[in-house]
Amino acid sequence: MTVITDARNGRYNENGTISVEVCFDNNKTEDGVALYLPYTAAVHDPADYGRQLYADLVAGKYGTVTPFTVTPEMLT
């Protein structure tokens, strides 16, 4: 079973998914330091833990999720 122990730096993407850095329970360096990996969570994520992560992010469990922002480069 995959267990997420922490998440940080969540930000919405244009399509409504959330890009976030995630720490899984079994993901540490040799020194025991938590290792964060990029993950994109979605409301219809194929993984149970992904759907739960998405719900937790929306609920604010891991802090505020940064809104999606249109950049000038996207408009050209």
Protein backbone atom coordinates (compact mmCIF):
# COMPACT_ATOMS: atom_id res chain seq x y z
CA MET A 1 0.00 0.00 0.00
CA THR A 2 1.32 3.43 -0.94
CA VAL A 3 1.28 5.97 1.88
CA ILE A 4 1.84 9.67 1.35
CA THR A 5 3.50 11.22 4.40
CA ASP A 6 3.70 14.82 3.19
CA ALA A 7 3.11 17.09 0.20
CA ARG A 8 4.25 20.60 -0.60
CA ASN A 9 4.19 23.33 -3.25
CA GLY A 10 0.83 22.40 -4.78
CA ARG A 11 -0.22 24.42 -7.81
CA TYR A 12 -3.19 24.08 -10.14
CA ASN A 13 -2.56 23.31 -13.79
CA GLU A 14 -4.59 24.64 -16.71
CA ASN A 15 -6.65 21.42 -16.90
CA GLY A 16 -7.55 21.39 -13.18
CA THR A 17 -5.00 18.83 -12.06
CA ILE A 18 -2.59 19.76 -9.27
CA SER A 19 1.18 19.48 -9.59
CA VAL A 20 2.77 18.86 -6.21
CA GLU A 21 5.92 17.52 -4.56
CA VAL A 22 5.09 14.35 -2.62
CA CYS A 23 6.92 12.35 0.02
CA PHE A 24 5.99 8.66 0.12
CA ASP A 25 6.59 6.58 3.27
CA ASN A 26 9.29 4.45 1.65
CA ASN A 27 11.08 7.29 -0.13
CA LYS A 28 14.12 8.48 1.80
CA THR A 29 17.78 9.09 1.08
CA GLU A 30 20.44 6.80 2.52
CA ASP A 31 20.71 9.28 5.41
CA GLY A 32 17.00 8.93 6.17
CA VAL A 33 16.05 12.35 4.81
CA ALA A 34 12.61 12.56 3.20
CA LEU A 35 12.79 12.63 -0.59
CA TYR A 36 10.09 14.58 -2.43
CA LEU A 37 9.05 13.54 -5.93
CA PRO A 38 6.93 15.42 -8.47
CA TYR A 39 3.38 14.14 -8.84
CA THR A 40 0.31 15.36 -10.68
CA ALA A 41 -2.89 14.58 -8.79
CA ALA A 42 -6.29 14.52 -10.45
CA VAL A 43 -9.86 14.13 -9.31
CA HIS A 44 -10.09 11.04 -11.58
CA ASP A 45 -6.56 9.80 -10.81
CA PRO A 46 -6.15 6.08 -11.63
CA ALA A 47 -4.54 5.46 -8.23
CA ASP A 48 -6.57 5.53 -5.01
CA TYR A 49 -3.83 7.48 -3.24
CA GLY A 50 -3.81 10.01 -6.10
CA ARG A 51 -7.53 10.70 -5.74
CA GLN A 52 -7.13 11.00 -1.96
CA LEU A 53 -4.15 13.32 -2.40
CA TYR A 54 -6.17 15.51 -4.76
CA ALA A 55 -9.03 15.73 -2.24
CA ASP A 56 -6.59 16.51 0.59
CA LEU A 57 -4.90 19.23 -1.46
CA VAL A 58 -8.23 20.86 -2.35
CA ALA A 59 -9.25 20.70 1.33
CA GLY A 60 -6.05 22.48 2.36
CA LYS A 61 -4.44 19.61 4.27
CA TYR A 62 -1.03 20.47 2.79
CA GLY A 63 -1.46 24.24 2.65
CA THR A 64 -2.84 26.52 0.00
CA VAL A 65 -2.72 25.33 -3.60
CA THR A 66 -1.44 28.11 -5.84
CA PRO A 67 -4.02 29.08 -8.48
CA PHE A 68 -3.30 28.58 -12.17
CA THR A 69 -2.00 31.73 -13.83
CA VAL A 70 -2.01 32.46 -17.54
CA THR A 71 1.38 33.76 -18.63
CA PRO A 72 2.02 36.04 -21.63
CA GLU A 73 3.90 33.19 -23.32
CA MET A 74 0.74 31.08 -23.26
CA LEU A 75 -1.17 33.73 -25.17
CA THR A 76 1.19 33.89 -28.14
